Amino acid sequence: MLLAVDIGNTFITLGAFRGRRLVKRATLPTKNKTHFYGLKNFISGNTIEDAIICSVVPQATVALAKDLRRLIGTKPYIVGKNIRVPVKNLYHMPNQVGMDRLVNAYAGIKLYKAPLIAVDFGTAITFDVVSKKGEYLGGMILPGLRISLEALAERTALLPRIKLSRPKEFIGKDTRNSMLSGIIYGFAALTDDLSQRIKRLIGKNARVIGTGGNIKLICKYCKKIDVVDRDITLKGLNLIYEAAKCKKY
């Protein structure tokens, strides 16, 4: 089995694959000082032969790689370090692209075909655009849903700190629901509009793939998302590992 690890700013997502089938999934808080026992519990009862990591948190990458080596007896692959994403990257400065964004783009190509737009609702919201030729064109980075709510509370005198959830109504009748409606419906409308604008550039047949930790919260409010795939990053890691092992690139 392969252990795929997606290290995000808020959560670490673990996925165990048997072939192309995701058989087990779990999340751990990124900010925990040690993830050893969480990894150990996740791996327990499974024969993990290899591991692959995609990360946007360098310090967590180092710690997790050491833990995995102790637990499975082999050095994990780290995307961007000892294994690459086999997609043509047209960013002006290719090294600036987060590896998770390239992984999502590659997974989108393999699973849903190009052209496509991958929208990841994580700590930040990212739009990643792939041409009909399968080239990574770039994208957009926005503050995530929780960050936006926190900013309202931190930067205003009277707005409260509230938990992210679905609004009860479109036109809020109290402060809490006015904030939630603004965040949820606002970002849904933004997603739909940006998706339409991008399609005018890359082709109207481009599919919009929604993913990330908050995708299930917001997808029902977005009219232009064609496919919801919460685990596209994990699936992409599995596909990248498979391609490398088969020497396809």
Protein backbone atom coordinates (compact mmCIF):
# COMPACT_ATOMS: atom_id res chain seq x y z
CA MET A 1 0.00 0.00 0.00
CA LEU A 2 1.00 3.61 -0.59
CA LEU A 3 0.58 6.32 2.03
CA ALA A 4 -0.18 9.71 0.47
CA VAL A 5 0.29 12.74 2.72
CA ASP A 6 -1.01 16.22 1.94
CA ILE A 7 0.38 18.77 4.42
CA GLY A 8 -1.73 21.93 4.42
CA ASN A 9 -1.58 25.02 6.61
CA THR A 10 -4.46 23.84 8.82
CA PHE A 11 -4.67 20.07 8.39
CA ILE A 12 -2.54 17.14 7.28
CA THR A 13 -4.60 14.72 5.22
CA LEU A 14 -3.56 11.06 5.07
CA GLY A 15 -4.67 8.57 2.45
CA ALA A 16 -3.83 4.88 2.12
CA PHE A 17 -4.07 3.51 -1.42
CA ARG A 18 -4.27 -0.03 -2.69
CA GLY A 19 -3.66 0.46 -6.38
CA ARG A 20 -5.90 3.37 -7.38
CA ARG A 21 -8.41 2.76 -4.59
CA LEU A 22 -8.37 5.04 -1.58
CA VAL A 23 -9.04 2.59 1.24
CA LYS A 24 -8.47 4.77 4.29
CA ARG A 25 -8.45 8.50 5.03
CA ALA A 26 -7.80 10.70 8.07
CA THR A 27 -6.77 14.22 9.06
CA LEU A 28 -4.40 15.55 11.70
CA PRO A 29 -3.99 19.18 12.84
CA THR A 30 -0.86 20.63 11.24
CA LYS A 31 0.07 22.70 14.29
CA ASN A 32 0.46 19.70 16.63
CA LYS A 33 4.03 19.44 17.90
CA THR A 34 4.25 15.76 17.03
CA HIS A 35 2.34 13.66 14.52
CA PHE A 36 4.15 10.41 15.25
CA TYR A 37 1.34 8.74 17.18
CA GLY A 38 -1.34 9.94 14.78
CA LEU A 39 0.64 8.43 11.90
CA LYS A 40 1.27 5.27 13.88
CA ASN A 41 -2.43 4.79 14.61
CA PHE A 42 -3.34 5.43 10.99
CA ILE A 43 -0.79 2.95 9.67
CA SER A 44 -1.56 0.30 12.28
CA GLY A 45 -2.91 -2.88 10.71
CA ASN A 46 -1.82 -1.90 7.20
CA THR A 47 1.31 -2.80 5.28
CA ILE A 48 2.63 0.50 3.96
CA GLU A 49 5.34 -0.09 1.39
CA ASP A 50 6.01 3.52 0.42
CA ALA A 51 4.95 7.09 1.14
CA ILE A 52 4.69 10.33 -0.81
CA ILE A 53 4.36 13.82 0.65
CA CYS A 54 3.05 17.07 -0.80
CA SER A 55 3.48 20.05 1.50
CA VAL A 56 3.10 23.81 1.84
CA VAL A 57 4.58 23.81 5.38
CA PRO A 58 8.36 23.17 5.23
CA GLN A 59 8.87 22.58 8.96
CA ALA A 60 6.09 20.00 9.09
CA THR A 61 7.57 18.28 6.03
CA VAL A 62 10.89 17.68 7.76
CA ALA A 63 9.29 16.35 10.94
CA LEU A 64 6.79 14.13 9.12
CA ALA A 65 9.43 12.69 6.81
CA LYS A 66 11.47 11.62 9.85
CA ASP A 67 8.42 10.06 11.50
CA LEU A 68 7.51 8.14 8.36
CA ARG A 69 11.02 6.81 7.96
CA ARG A 70 10.86 5.48 11.52
CA LEU A 71 7.44 3.93 11.01
CA ILE A 72 7.70 2.36 7.56
CA GLY A 73 11.45 1.90 7.28
CA THR A 74 11.88 3.80 4.03
CA LYS A 75 12.48 7.41 3.03
CA PRO A 76 9.29 9.04 1.70
CA TYR A 77 9.08 10.74 -1.66
CA ILE A 78 8.63 14.51 -1.36
CA VAL A 79 7.00 16.26 -4.31
CA GLY A 80 9.29 18.94 -5.70
CA LYS A 81 12.34 17.43 -4.03
CA ASN A 82 12.90 13.82 -5.08
CA ILE A 83 9.82 13.31 -7.25
CA ARG A 84 8.28 15.78 -9.68
CA VAL A 85 4.82 16.52 -11.03
CA PRO A 86 4.83 15.56 -14.74
CA VAL A 87 3.01 18.64 -16.03
CA LYS A 88 4.36 21.55 -18.10
CA ASN A 89 4.50 24.56 -15.77
CA LEU A 90 4.10 27.93 -17.53
CA TYR A 91 4.43 30.09 -14.40
CA HIS A 92 6.94 32.91 -14.96
CA MET A 93 8.88 31.63 -11.96
CA PRO A 94 7.97 27.89 -11.82
CA ASN A 95 9.46 27.36 -8.36
CA GLN A 96 6.91 29.75 -6.86
CA VAL A 97 3.98 27.44 -7.52
CA GLY A 98 2.81 25.45 -4.51
CA MET A 99 3.29 21.75 -5.10
CA ASP A 100 -0.29 21.06 -4.04
CA ARG A 101 -1.51 23.26 -6.91
CA LEU A 102 0.52 21.31 -9.45
CA VAL A 103 -0.65 18.01 -7.96
CA ASN A 104 -4.28 19.14 -8.28
CA ALA A 105 -3.67 20.17 -11.88
CA TYR A 106 -2.10 16.83 -12.76
CA ALA A 107 -4.84 14.86 -11.04
CA GLY A 108 -7.44 16.93 -12.87
CA ILE A 109 -5.84 16.14 -16.22
CA LYS A 110 -5.63 12.41 -15.52
CA LEU A 111 -9.07 12.02 -13.95
CA TYR A 112 -11.21 14.63 -15.70
CA LYS A 113 -9.23 15.71 -18.81
CA ALA A 114 -8.10 19.17 -19.92
CA PRO A 115 -8.93 22.00 -20.15
CA LEU A 116 -9.94 22.45 -16.54
CA ILE A 117 -10.11 24.75 -13.55
CA ALA A 118 -9.31 23.28 -10.13
CA VAL A 119 -10.71 25.35 -7.25
CA ASP A 120 -9.36 24.37 -3.84
CA PHE A 121 -11.26 25.70 -0.81
CA GLY A 122 -8.60 25.26 1.85
CA THR A 123 -6.96 27.69 4.27
CA ALA A 124 -6.51 29.80 1.15
CA ILE A 125 -8.69 29.46 -1.94
CA THR A 126 -6.74 28.69 -5.09
CA PHE A 127 -7.79 28.60 -8.73
CA ASP A 128 -5.50 26.51 -10.93
CA VAL A 129 -5.93 26.63 -14.68
CA VAL A 130 -4.93 23.94 -17.17
CA SER A 131 -5.01 24.49 -20.95
CA LYS A 132 -6.46 22.05 -23.46
CA LYS A 133 -2.85 20.97 -24.13
CA GLY A 134 -2.45 19.96 -20.49
CA GLU A 135 -0.23 22.92 -19.58
CA TYR A 136 -0.38 24.52 -16.15
CA LEU A 137 -1.14 28.16 -16.96
CA GLY A 138 -1.25 29.61 -13.45
CA GLY A 139 -4.20 30.81 -11.42
CA MET A 140 -5.35 32.88 -8.48
CA ILE A 141 -4.92 32.89 -4.69
CA LEU A 142 -7.56 34.33 -2.35
CA PRO A 143 -8.12 34.33 1.42
CA GLY A 144 -10.05 31.27 2.57
CA LEU A 145 -13.50 31.24 4.15
CA ARG A 146 -12.28 30.93 7.75
CA ILE A 147 -9.51 33.51 7.25
CA SER A 148 -12.07 35.96 5.90
CA LEU A 149 -14.38 35.45 8.89
CA GLU A 150 -11.46 35.84 11.30
CA ALA A 151 -10.34 39.04 9.57
CA LEU A 152 -13.79 40.58 10.04
CA ALA A 153 -13.66 39.87 13.77
CA GLU A 154 -10.06 40.99 14.20
CA ARG A 155 -10.23 44.18 12.17
CA THR A 156 -13.59 45.55 13.28
CA ALA A 157 -14.80 46.81 16.65
CA LEU A 158 -18.27 45.28 16.79
CA LEU A 159 -18.29 42.16 14.61
CA PRO A 160 -18.02 38.95 16.66
CA ARG A 161 -15.85 35.90 16.15
CA ILE A 162 -18.16 33.16 14.83
CA LYS A 163 -17.87 29.61 13.62
CA LEU A 164 -17.92 28.96 9.89
CA SER A 165 -21.19 27.28 8.88
CA ARG A 166 -24.04 27.56 6.38
CA PRO A 167 -26.10 30.76 6.59
CA LYS A 168 -29.79 30.40 7.46
CA GLU A 169 -30.87 32.92 4.85
CA PHE A 170 -29.58 34.87 1.87
CA ILE A 171 -30.44 38.24 3.39
CA GLY A 172 -29.12 38.03 6.94
CA LYS A 173 -31.52 39.08 9.70
CA ASP A 174 -28.85 39.27 12.40
CA THR A 175 -25.12 39.96 12.52
CA ARG A 176 -24.05 36.33 12.59
CA ASN A 177 -26.11 35.33 9.57
CA SER A 178 -25.23 38.53 7.72
CA MET A 179 -21.54 37.62 8.09
CA LEU A 180 -22.09 34.00 7.05
CA SER A 181 -24.23 35.00 4.08
CA GLY A 182 -21.62 37.50 2.94
CA ILE A 183 -18.84 34.93 3.16
CA ILE A 184 -20.63 31.90 1.69
CA TYR A 185 -22.76 33.54 -1.01
CA GLY A 186 -20.04 36.09 -1.72
CA PHE A 187 -17.32 33.50 -2.35
CA ALA A 188 -19.76 31.29 -4.27
CA ALA A 189 -20.60 34.18 -6.60
CA LEU A 190 -16.90 35.01 -6.92
CA THR A 191 -16.15 31.38 -7.81
CA ASP A 192 -18.85 31.29 -10.47
CA ASP A 193 -17.80 34.60 -12.01
CA LEU A 194 -14.07 33.81 -12.10
CA SER A 195 -14.78 30.37 -13.54
CA GLN A 196 -16.80 31.93 -16.36
CA ARG A 197 -14.09 34.49 -17.07
CA ILE A 198 -11.40 31.80 -17.18
CA LYS A 199 -13.52 29.66 -19.52
CA ARG A 200 -13.62 32.52 -22.01
CA LEU A 201 -9.83 32.24 -22.17
CA ILE A 202 -9.28 28.47 -22.18
CA GLY A 203 -12.50 27.12 -23.69
CA LYS A 204 -16.15 26.96 -22.67
CA ASN A 205 -15.90 23.16 -22.33
CA ALA A 206 -13.42 23.45 -19.45
CA ARG A 207 -14.59 21.54 -16.39
CA VAL A 208 -14.53 23.15 -12.96
CA ILE A 209 -13.34 20.79 -10.23
CA GLY A 210 -14.04 21.73 -6.63
CA THR A 211 -11.90 20.37 -3.80
CA GLY A 212 -10.43 21.23 -0.40
CA GLY A 213 -11.52 21.06 3.20
CA ASN A 214 -14.44 23.47 2.79
CA ILE A 215 -15.75 22.23 -0.57
CA LYS A 216 -18.73 20.38 0.91
CA LEU A 217 -19.78 23.51 2.78
CA ILE A 218 -19.82 25.83 -0.22
CA CYS A 219 -20.42 23.63 -3.29
CA LYS A 220 -24.22 23.76 -3.05
CA TYR A 221 -24.05 27.55 -3.47
CA CYS A 222 -21.78 27.42 -6.54
CA LYS A 223 -23.55 26.98 -9.87
CA LYS A 224 -20.45 26.53 -12.04
CA ILE A 225 -18.66 23.69 -10.22
CA ASP A 226 -19.03 20.56 -12.37
CA VAL A 227 -17.33 17.98 -10.17
CA VAL A 228 -16.72 17.83 -6.41
CA ASP A 229 -13.68 15.72 -5.50
CA ARG A 230 -12.54 16.30 -1.94
CA ASP A 231 -9.58 13.92 -2.33
CA ILE A 232 -8.14 15.09 -5.64
CA THR A 233 -4.77 15.97 -4.04
CA LEU A 234 -4.40 12.52 -2.48
CA LYS A 235 -5.42 10.90 -5.77
CA GLY A 236 -2.92 13.08 -7.60
CA LEU A 237 -0.12 11.97 -5.28
CA ASN A 238 -1.02 8.36 -5.93
CA LEU A 239 -1.00 8.95 -9.70
CA ILE A 240 2.35 10.76 -9.58
CA TYR A 241 3.87 7.88 -7.61
CA GLU A 242 2.39 5.35 -10.04
CA ALA A 243 3.76 7.25 -13.05
CA ALA A 244 7.22 7.48 -11.51
CA LYS A 245 7.31 3.80 -10.66
CA CYS A 246 6.17 2.88 -14.18
CA LYS A 247 8.85 5.24 -15.58
CA LYS A 248 6.30 7.11 -17.60
CA TYR A 249 8.29 10.32 -17.30
